[in-house]
Amino acid sequence: MSAAKQTAVADQYSVSSVERALGVLNAFTHQRPELSLTDIASCTGLHKATAFRLLATLCRGGMAMKNQTTGLYRLGFQIIALSEVAKTSTGFIAQARSFMRQIRDELNETVYIAVRVGDERITLDQLEGLRDIRRVVAVGKPSALYVGSTSRVLLAAMPDHEIAAYFSRTEFVPPFPGAKVDAQILWRAIAEIRRTGYAETHNKRIAEGASISAAVRGPADEVLGAMTVSIPINRYTDDVRSRTIEVITGAARALSRQLGAS
């Protein structure tokens, strides 16, 4: 079935009220976890009366909550419950956790796993490092698909025509002052990732760190996600780098085989 026909079929079976409710839920972000009714109407393009009815329904279902003091809305606890169900029902994440624990215990550093969602990547699970000073990521927070080793592994897994289309619609914002990022730089990084089987990024200009990522594949050799080790820059020696590459790529291959990859 062609992409146009698939889109037409999807449109045929779409439910406008559900789409509007999803729009309301997606209006909440890490930057704006609480919103007023006016904010939500503005973000979604809905009339305030429609937004109010949708919010009332979402609140009754536990998907949203209203602060009775401030009048602001936020996501409800039912969202958390559903996210836990999603994680446990996805065999990929459940099986990945044992490998993540092995990596964390061997390297004493933070390990996390992320997937691509449209033009972004989202971290689904994380095991924090065992040292007093360690790097962590925000689970569930969307990140640009061109920033960091995790994102670039997911980017490299896309077909070239999809990558080119993504580049054409994306405004590249440097992740920190002085950094350079553009399509040419990313194409070179993609070629290197495809050649070596892992991605590496590090930032020695500010008090950040380094990360090394490898792809996790499924039965059809498709990339299901990326597994990453994150290390503070002051511990990122040549020996640590070499050991981390060995451990993360080996674990990613072993997990991929367990998931049915060739």
C-alpha atoms as a PDB file:
ATOM      1  CA  MET A   1       0.000   0.000   0.000  1.00  0.00           C
ATOM      2  CA  SER A   2       1.350   3.411  -0.954  1.00  0.00           C
ATOM      3  CA  ALA A   3       2.109   6.065   1.671  1.00  0.00           C
ATOM      4  CA  ALA A   4      -0.676   8.274   0.271  1.00  0.00           C
ATOM      5  CA  LYS A   5      -3.211   5.439   0.493  1.00  0.00           C
ATOM      6  CA  GLN A   6      -2.106   4.591   4.042  1.00  0.00           C
ATOM      7  CA  THR A   7      -2.614   8.229   5.028  1.00  0.00           C
ATOM      8  CA  ALA A   8      -6.067   8.253   3.409  1.00  0.00           C
ATOM      9  CA  VAL A   9      -7.077   5.102   5.301  1.00  0.00           C
ATOM     10  CA  ALA A  10      -5.773   6.554   8.574  1.00  0.00           C
ATOM     11  CA  ASP A  11      -7.730   9.765   7.988  1.00  0.00           C
ATOM     12  CA  GLN A  12     -10.875   7.760   7.228  1.00  0.00           C
ATOM     13  CA  TYR A  13     -10.819   6.108  10.634  1.00  0.00           C
ATOM     14  CA  SER A  14      -9.657   9.072  12.691  1.00  0.00           C
ATOM     15  CA  VAL A  15     -11.895  10.340  15.501  1.00  0.00           C
ATOM     16  CA  SER A  16     -11.774  14.105  15.781  1.00  0.00           C
ATOM     17  CA  SER A  17     -12.680  14.268  19.480  1.00  0.00           C
ATOM     18  CA  VAL A  18      -9.900  11.826  20.332  1.00  0.00           C
ATOM     19  CA  GLU A  19      -7.441  13.803  18.216  1.00  0.00           C
ATOM     20  CA  ARG A  20      -8.405  16.985  20.062  1.00  0.00           C
ATOM     21  CA  ALA A  21      -7.975  15.261  23.438  1.00  0.00           C
ATOM     22  CA  LEU A  22      -4.535  14.028  22.381  1.00  0.00           C
ATOM     23  CA  GLY A  23      -3.696  17.572  21.347  1.00  0.00           C
ATOM     24  CA  VAL A  24      -4.577  18.774  24.842  1.00  0.00           C
ATOM     25  CA  LEU A  25      -2.356  16.131  26.468  1.00  0.00           C
ATOM     26  CA  ASN A  26       0.533  16.927  24.128  1.00  0.00           C
ATOM     27  CA  ALA A  27       0.315  20.607  25.029  1.00  0.00           C
ATOM     28  CA  PHE A  28       2.037  19.809  28.345  1.00  0.00           C
ATOM     29  CA  THR A  29       5.834  19.757  28.190  1.00  0.00           C
ATOM     30  CA  HIS A  30       8.810  19.600  30.547  1.00  0.00           C
ATOM     31  CA  GLN A  31       9.163  23.357  30.080  1.00  0.00           C
ATOM     32  CA  ARG A  32       5.459  23.986  30.748  1.00  0.00           C
ATOM     33  CA  PRO A  33       4.127  21.213  33.009  1.00  0.00           C
ATOM     34  CA  GLU A  34       1.221  23.389  34.195  1.00  0.00           C
ATOM     35  CA  LEU A  35      -1.083  25.322  31.873  1.00  0.00           C
ATOM     36  CA  SER A  36      -4.122  27.508  32.192  1.00  0.00           C
ATOM     37  CA  LEU A  37      -7.274  26.958  30.153  1.00  0.00           C
ATOM     38  CA  THR A  38      -6.282  29.940  28.006  1.00  0.00           C
ATOM     39  CA  ASP A  39      -2.814  28.466  27.452  1.00  0.00           C
ATOM     40  CA  ILE A  40      -4.257  25.134  26.349  1.00  0.00           C
ATOM     41  CA  ALA A  41      -6.763  26.751  24.006  1.00  0.00           C
ATOM     42  CA  SER A  42      -3.961  28.805  22.482  1.00  0.00           C
ATOM     43  CA  CYS A  43      -1.597  25.815  22.091  1.00  0.00           C
ATOM     44  CA  THR A  44      -4.209  23.575  20.511  1.00  0.00           C
ATOM     45  CA  GLY A  45      -6.215  26.109  18.521  1.00  0.00           C
ATOM     46  CA  LEU A  46      -9.376  24.953  20.274  1.00  0.00           C
ATOM     47  CA  HIS A  47     -12.193  27.188  21.438  1.00  0.00           C
ATOM     48  CA  LYS A  48     -11.985  27.655  25.215  1.00  0.00           C
ATOM     49  CA  ALA A  49     -15.357  25.978  25.737  1.00  0.00           C
ATOM     50  CA  THR A  50     -14.207  22.904  23.794  1.00  0.00           C
ATOM     51  CA  ALA A  51     -10.901  22.812  25.657  1.00  0.00           C
ATOM     52  CA  PHE A  52     -12.762  23.077  28.971  1.00  0.00           C
ATOM     53  CA  ARG A  53     -15.033  20.112  28.134  1.00  0.00           C
ATOM     54  CA  LEU A  54     -12.074  18.002  27.048  1.00  0.00           C
ATOM     55  CA  LEU A  55     -10.135  18.878  30.213  1.00  0.00           C
ATOM     56  CA  ALA A  56     -13.123  18.012  32.389  1.00  0.00           C
ATOM     57  CA  THR A  57     -13.332  14.600  30.724  1.00  0.00           C
ATOM     58  CA  LEU A  58      -9.578  14.018  31.045  1.00  0.00           C
ATOM     59  CA  CYS A  59      -9.704  14.994  34.723  1.00  0.00           C
ATOM     60  CA  ARG A  60     -12.517  12.523  35.398  1.00  0.00           C
ATOM     61  CA  GLY A  61     -10.392   9.800  33.812  1.00  0.00           C
ATOM     62  CA  GLY A  62      -7.302  10.710  35.832  1.00  0.00           C
ATOM     63  CA  MET A  63      -5.417  11.797  32.721  1.00  0.00           C
ATOM     64  CA  ALA A  64      -5.299  15.422  33.868  1.00  0.00           C
ATOM     65  CA  MET A  65      -5.570  17.278  37.175  1.00  0.00           C
ATOM     66  CA  LYS A  66      -6.635  20.795  38.120  1.00  0.00           C
ATOM     67  CA  ASN A  67      -4.990  22.771  40.906  1.00  0.00           C
ATOM     68  CA  GLN A  68      -7.990  24.231  42.685  1.00  0.00           C
ATOM     69  CA  THR A  69      -5.895  27.026  44.170  1.00  0.00           C
ATOM     70  CA  THR A  70      -4.211  28.296  41.006  1.00  0.00           C
ATOM     71  CA  GLY A  71      -6.688  27.016  38.417  1.00  0.00           C
ATOM     72  CA  LEU A  72      -3.830  25.510  36.411  1.00  0.00           C
ATOM     73  CA  TYR A  73      -3.976  22.060  34.827  1.00  0.00           C
ATOM     74  CA  ARG A  74      -1.309  19.368  34.732  1.00  0.00           C
ATOM     75  CA  LEU A  75      -1.064  15.747  33.614  1.00  0.00           C
ATOM     76  CA  GLY A  76      -2.706  13.222  35.933  1.00  0.00           C
ATOM     77  CA  PHE A  77      -1.309  10.192  37.690  1.00  0.00           C
ATOM     78  CA  GLN A  78      -3.111   7.848  35.300  1.00  0.00           C
ATOM     79  CA  ILE A  79      -0.555   8.909  32.675  1.00  0.00           C
ATOM     80  CA  ILE A  80       2.203   7.522  34.920  1.00  0.00           C
ATOM     81  CA  ALA A  81       0.301   4.275  35.429  1.00  0.00           C
ATOM     82  CA  LEU A  82      -0.150   3.828  31.685  1.00  0.00           C
ATOM     83  CA  SER A  83       3.500   4.604  31.005  1.00  0.00           C
ATOM     84  CA  GLU A  84       4.527   1.831  33.395  1.00  0.00           C
ATOM     85  CA  VAL A  85       2.175  -0.572  31.627  1.00  0.00           C
ATOM     86  CA  ALA A  86       3.678   0.437  28.278  1.00  0.00           C
ATOM     87  CA  LYS A  87       7.207  -0.175  29.531  1.00  0.00           C
ATOM     88  CA  THR A  88       6.456  -3.581  31.042  1.00  0.00           C
ATOM     89  CA  SER A  89       4.397  -4.730  28.054  1.00  0.00           C
ATOM     90  CA  THR A  90       7.183  -3.903  25.611  1.00  0.00           C
ATOM     91  CA  GLY A  91       9.435  -6.968  25.645  1.00  0.00           C
ATOM     92  CA  PHE A  92      12.254  -4.891  24.213  1.00  0.00           C
ATOM     93  CA  ILE A  93      12.433  -2.652  27.303  1.00  0.00           C
ATOM     94  CA  ALA A  94      11.912  -5.499  29.783  1.00  0.00           C
ATOM     95  CA  GLN A  95      14.701  -7.567  28.224  1.00  0.00           C
ATOM     96  CA  ALA A  96      16.969  -4.547  27.894  1.00  0.00           C
ATOM     97  CA  ARG A  97      16.931  -3.852  31.607  1.00  0.00           C
ATOM     98  CA  SER A  98      18.993  -6.899  32.561  1.00  0.00           C
ATOM     99  CA  PHE A  99      21.664  -5.906  30.033  1.00  0.00           C
ATOM    100  CA  MET A 100      21.558  -2.329  31.298  1.00  0.00           C
ATOM    101  CA  ARG A 101      22.127  -3.575  34.823  1.00  0.00           C
ATOM    102  CA  GLN A 102      25.143  -5.626  33.716  1.00  0.00           C
ATOM    103  CA  ILE A 103      26.633  -2.585  31.972  1.00  0.00           C
ATOM    104  CA  ARG A 104      25.954  -0.294  34.931  1.00  0.00           C
ATOM    105  CA  ASP A 105      27.465  -2.721  37.425  1.00  0.00           C
ATOM    106  CA  GLU A 106      30.531  -3.315  35.254  1.00  0.00           C
ATOM    107  CA  LEU A 107      31.278   0.331  34.422  1.00  0.00           C
ATOM    108  CA  ASN A 108      29.659   2.014  37.439  1.00  0.00           C
ATOM    109  CA  GLU A 109      28.216   4.603  35.046  1.00  0.00           C
ATOM    110  CA  THR A 110      24.688   5.629  34.066  1.00  0.00           C
ATOM    111  CA  VAL A 111      23.029   3.565  31.337  1.00  0.00           C
ATOM    112  CA  TYR A 112      19.821   4.412  29.514  1.00  0.00           C
ATOM    113  CA  ILE A 113      17.784   3.298  26.543  1.00  0.00           C
ATOM    114  CA  ALA A 114      15.861   5.490  24.112  1.00  0.00           C
ATOM    115  CA  VAL A 115      13.682   5.195  21.043  1.00  0.00           C
ATOM    116  CA  ARG A 116      12.829   7.392  18.106  1.00  0.00           C
ATOM    117  CA  VAL A 117       9.380   9.007  18.099  1.00  0.00           C
ATOM    118  CA  GLY A 118       8.900  11.001  14.913  1.00  0.00           C
ATOM    119  CA  ASP A 119      11.525  13.725  14.717  1.00  0.00           C
ATOM    120  CA  GLU A 120      12.596  13.267  18.335  1.00  0.00           C
ATOM    121  CA  ARG A 121      14.019  10.664  20.643  1.00  0.00           C
ATOM    122  CA  ILE A 122      12.662   9.807  24.052  1.00  0.00           C
ATOM    123  CA  THR A 123      14.481   8.040  26.896  1.00  0.00           C
ATOM    124  CA  LEU A 124      12.329   5.191  28.196  1.00  0.00           C
ATOM    125  CA  ASP A 125      14.423   3.753  31.006  1.00  0.00           C
ATOM    126  CA  GLN A 126      17.572   4.555  32.958  1.00  0.00           C
ATOM    127  CA  LEU A 127      19.830   3.006  35.580  1.00  0.00           C
ATOM    128  CA  GLU A 128      21.874   5.650  37.345  1.00  0.00           C
ATOM    129  CA  GLY A 129      25.601   5.149  37.891  1.00  0.00           C
ATOM    130  CA  LEU A 130      26.911   3.948  41.226  1.00  0.00           C
ATOM    131  CA  ARG A 131      29.410   6.764  41.787  1.00  0.00           C
ATOM    132  CA  ASP A 132      28.738   9.879  43.867  1.00  0.00           C
ATOM    133  CA  ILE A 133      29.191  12.095  40.803  1.00  0.00           C
ATOM    134  CA  ARG A 134      27.258  10.746  37.838  1.00  0.00           C
ATOM    135  CA  ARG A 135      25.367  11.898  34.787  1.00  0.00           C
ATOM    136  CA  VAL A 136      21.640  11.325  34.448  1.00  0.00           C
ATOM    137  CA  VAL A 137      19.031  12.043  31.789  1.00  0.00           C
ATOM    138  CA  ALA A 138      15.366  13.022  32.008  1.00  0.00           C
ATOM    139  CA  VAL A 139      13.253   9.936  31.313  1.00  0.00           C
ATOM    140  CA  GLY A 140      10.360  10.747  29.008  1.00  0.00           C
ATOM    141  CA  LYS A 141      11.726  14.100  27.866  1.00  0.00           C
ATOM    142  CA  PRO A 142      11.862  14.550  24.061  1.00  0.00           C
ATOM    143  CA  SER A 143      15.249  15.496  22.602  1.00  0.00           C
ATOM    144  CA  ALA A 144      16.325  16.585  19.136  1.00  0.00           C
ATOM    145  CA  LEU A 145      17.203  13.759  16.782  1.00  0.00           C
ATOM    146  CA  TYR A 146      20.543  15.329  15.827  1.00  0.00           C
ATOM    147  CA  VAL A 147      22.025  16.048  19.282  1.00  0.00           C
ATOM    148  CA  GLY A 148      24.028  13.455  21.208  1.00  0.00           C
ATOM    149  CA  SER A 149      25.229   9.953  20.502  1.00  0.00           C
ATOM    150  CA  THR A 150      21.862   8.365  21.329  1.00  0.00           C
ATOM    151  CA  SER A 151      19.985  10.484  18.820  1.00  0.00           C
ATOM    152  CA  ARG A 152      22.594   9.996  16.129  1.00  0.00           C
ATOM    153  CA  VAL A 153      22.446   6.206  16.404  1.00  0.00           C
ATOM    154  CA  LEU A 154      18.695   6.421  15.823  1.00  0.00           C
ATOM    155  CA  LEU A 155      19.236   8.896  12.994  1.00  0.00           C
ATOM    156  CA  ALA A 156      21.790   6.618  11.304  1.00  0.00           C
ATOM    157  CA  ALA A 157      19.247   3.789  11.322  1.00  0.00           C
ATOM    158  CA  MET A 158      16.851   5.733   9.095  1.00  0.00           C
ATOM    159  CA  PRO A 159      16.887   5.330   5.291  1.00  0.00           C
ATOM    160  CA  ASP A 160      18.866   8.050   3.540  1.00  0.00           C
ATOM    161  CA  HIS A 161      15.777   9.590   1.927  1.00  0.00           C
ATOM    162  CA  GLU A 162      14.093   9.921   5.329  1.00  0.00           C
ATOM    163  CA  ILE A 163      17.234  11.506   6.775  1.00  0.00           C
ATOM    164  CA  ALA A 164      17.377  13.998   3.909  1.00  0.00           C
ATOM    165  CA  ALA A 165      13.698  14.869   4.424  1.00  0.00           C
ATOM    166  CA  TYR A 166      14.289  15.317   8.159  1.00  0.00           C
ATOM    167  CA  PHE A 167      17.244  17.616   7.514  1.00  0.00           C
ATOM    168  CA  SER A 168      15.186  19.706   5.079  1.00  0.00           C
ATOM    169  CA  ARG A 169      12.514  20.453   7.692  1.00  0.00           C
ATOM    170  CA  THR A 170      14.817  20.873  10.697  1.00  0.00           C
ATOM    171  CA  GLU A 171      16.439  23.997  12.070  1.00  0.00           C
ATOM    172  CA  PHE A 172      19.711  22.908  13.656  1.00  0.00           C
ATOM    173  CA  VAL A 173      20.330  24.583  17.016  1.00  0.00           C
ATOM    174  CA  PRO A 174      23.829  24.122  18.508  1.00  0.00           C
ATOM    175  CA  PRO A 175      23.579  22.158  21.776  1.00  0.00           C
ATOM    176  CA  PHE A 176      25.983  24.532  23.525  1.00  0.00           C
ATOM    177  CA  PRO A 177      27.800  27.808  22.686  1.00  0.00           C
ATOM    178  CA  GLY A 178      30.520  27.300  20.105  1.00  0.00           C
ATOM    179  CA  ALA A 179      29.222  23.942  18.897  1.00  0.00           C
ATOM    180  CA  LYS A 180      28.654  23.406  15.191  1.00  0.00           C
ATOM    181  CA  VAL A 181      25.933  21.261  13.718  1.00  0.00           C
ATOM    182  CA  ASP A 182      24.670  21.097  10.162  1.00  0.00           C
ATOM    183  CA  ALA A 183      23.641  18.510   7.577  1.00  0.00           C
ATOM    184  CA  GLN A 184      27.179  17.993   6.305  1.00  0.00           C
ATOM    185  CA  ILE A 185      28.540  17.308   9.793  1.00  0.00           C
ATOM    186  CA  LEU A 186      25.680  14.923  10.506  1.00  0.00           C
ATOM    187  CA  TRP A 187      26.105  12.982   7.255  1.00  0.00           C
ATOM    188  CA  ARG A 188      29.759  12.399   8.187  1.00  0.00           C
ATOM    189  CA  ALA A 189      28.716  11.257  11.663  1.00  0.00           C
ATOM    190  CA  ILE A 190      26.113   8.903  10.177  1.00  0.00           C
ATOM    191  CA  ALA A 191      28.707   7.331   7.871  1.00  0.00           C
ATOM    192  CA  GLU A 192      31.048   6.778  10.820  1.00  0.00           C
ATOM    193  CA  ILE A 193      28.292   5.243  12.955  1.00  0.00           C
ATOM    194  CA  ARG A 194      27.344   2.856  10.166  1.00  0.00           C
ATOM    195  CA  ARG A 195      30.996   1.881   9.760  1.00  0.00           C
ATOM    196  CA  THR A 196      31.885   1.344  13.432  1.00  0.00           C
ATOM    197  CA  GLY A 197      28.548   0.307  14.935  1.00  0.00           C
ATOM    198  CA  TYR A 198      28.515   2.949  17.666  1.00  0.00           C
ATOM    199  CA  ALA A 199      28.247   6.713  18.180  1.00  0.00           C
ATOM    200  CA  GLU A 200      30.355   8.859  20.489  1.00  0.00           C
ATOM    201  CA  THR A 201      29.892  12.438  21.620  1.00  0.00           C
ATOM    202  CA  HIS A 202      31.784  14.382  24.225  1.00  0.00           C
ATOM    203  CA  ASN A 203      31.939  17.966  25.380  1.00  0.00           C
ATOM    204  CA  LYS A 204      35.182  19.213  26.876  1.00  0.00           C
ATOM    205  CA  ARG A 205      34.235  22.890  26.717  1.00  0.00           C
ATOM    206  CA  ILE A 206      31.879  22.931  29.689  1.00  0.00           C
ATOM    207  CA  ALA A 207      31.336  20.724  32.745  1.00  0.00           C
ATOM    208  CA  GLU A 208      29.417  18.085  30.866  1.00  0.00           C
ATOM    209  CA  GLY A 209      30.454  14.653  29.800  1.00  0.00           C
ATOM    210  CA  ALA A 210      30.693  11.976  27.183  1.00  0.00           C
ATOM    211  CA  SER A 211      28.359   9.305  25.909  1.00  0.00           C
ATOM    212  CA  ILE A 212      28.708   6.193  23.768  1.00  0.00           C
ATOM    213  CA  SER A 213      25.676   4.556  22.156  1.00  0.00           C
ATOM    214  CA  ALA A 214      24.916   1.425  20.156  1.00  0.00           C
ATOM    215  CA  ALA A 215      21.807   0.286  18.316  1.00  0.00           C
ATOM    216  CA  VAL A 216      19.509  -2.491  19.526  1.00  0.00           C
ATOM    217  CA  ARG A 217      17.926  -4.436  16.662  1.00  0.00           C
ATOM    218  CA  GLY A 218      14.873  -6.632  16.285  1.00  0.00           C
ATOM    219  CA  PRO A 219      13.979  -9.773  14.268  1.00  0.00           C
ATOM    220  CA  ALA A 220      13.888  -7.954  10.915  1.00  0.00           C
ATOM    221  CA  ASP A 221      17.199  -6.258  11.711  1.00  0.00           C
ATOM    222  CA  GLU A 222      15.262  -3.053  12.345  1.00  0.00           C
ATOM    223  CA  VAL A 223      16.642  -0.656  14.973  1.00  0.00           C
ATOM    224  CA  LEU A 224      14.327  -0.742  17.977  1.00  0.00           C
ATOM    225  CA  GLY A 225      16.268   1.758  20.039  1.00  0.00           C
ATOM    226  CA  ALA A 226      19.663   2.919  21.255  1.00  0.00           C
ATOM    227  CA  MET A 227      21.468   1.949  24.453  1.00  0.00           C
ATOM    228  CA  THR A 228      23.836   4.529  25.911  1.00  0.00           C
ATOM    229  CA  VAL A 229      26.486   4.884  28.615  1.00  0.00           C
ATOM    230  CA  SER A 230      26.900   8.416  29.963  1.00  0.00           C
ATOM    231  CA  ILE A 231      30.145   9.435  31.712  1.00  0.00           C
ATOM    232  CA  PRO A 232      31.310  12.683  33.370  1.00  0.00           C
ATOM    233  CA  ILE A 233      34.117  14.185  31.306  1.00  0.00           C
ATOM    234  CA  ASN A 234      36.632  14.147  34.165  1.00  0.00           C
ATOM    235  CA  ARG A 235      36.517  10.312  34.155  1.00  0.00           C
ATOM    236  CA  TYR A 236      36.578   9.939  30.381  1.00  0.00           C
ATOM    237  CA  THR A 237      40.111   8.667  29.858  1.00  0.00           C
ATOM    238  CA  ASP A 238      41.308   6.704  26.832  1.00  0.00           C
ATOM    239  CA  ASP A 239      41.119   3.478  28.838  1.00  0.00           C
ATOM    240  CA  VAL A 240      37.575   4.213  30.002  1.00  0.00           C
ATOM    241  CA  ARG A 241      36.554   5.084  26.439  1.00  0.00           C
ATOM    242  CA  SER A 242      37.942   1.828  25.022  1.00  0.00           C
ATOM    243  CA  ARG A 243      36.343  -0.269  27.746  1.00  0.00           C
ATOM    244  CA  THR A 244      32.991   1.481  27.369  1.00  0.00           C
ATOM    245  CA  ILE A 245      32.922   0.934  23.610  1.00  0.00           C
ATOM    246  CA  GLU A 246      33.674  -2.765  24.132  1.00  0.00           C
ATOM    247  CA  VAL A 247      30.995  -3.196  26.797  1.00  0.00           C
ATOM    248  CA  ILE A 248      28.158  -1.216  25.174  1.00  0.00           C
ATOM    249  CA  THR A 249      28.600  -2.671  21.684  1.00  0.00           C
ATOM    250  CA  GLY A 250      28.865  -6.203  23.063  1.00  0.00           C
ATOM    251  CA  ALA A 251      25.743  -5.772  25.178  1.00  0.00           C
ATOM    252  CA  ALA A 252      23.801  -4.241  22.289  1.00  0.00           C
ATOM    253  CA  ARG A 253      24.710  -7.188  20.046  1.00  0.00           C
ATOM    254  CA  ALA A 254      23.784  -9.722  22.733  1.00  0.00           C
ATOM    255  CA  LEU A 255      20.444  -8.019  23.420  1.00  0.00           C
ATOM    256  CA  SER A 256      19.733  -7.816  19.686  1.00  0.00           C
ATOM    257  CA  ARG A 257      20.359 -11.557  19.313  1.00  0.00           C
ATOM    258  CA  GLN A 258      18.047 -12.242  22.253  1.00  0.00           C
ATOM    259  CA  LEU A 259      15.379 -10.145  20.521  1.00  0.00           C
ATOM    260  CA  GLY A 260      15.740 -12.198  17.353  1.00  0.00           C
ATOM    261  CA  ALA A 261      18.162 -10.183  15.255  1.00  0.00           C
ATOM    262  CA  SER A 262      20.477 -12.116  12.970  1.00  0.00           C
END
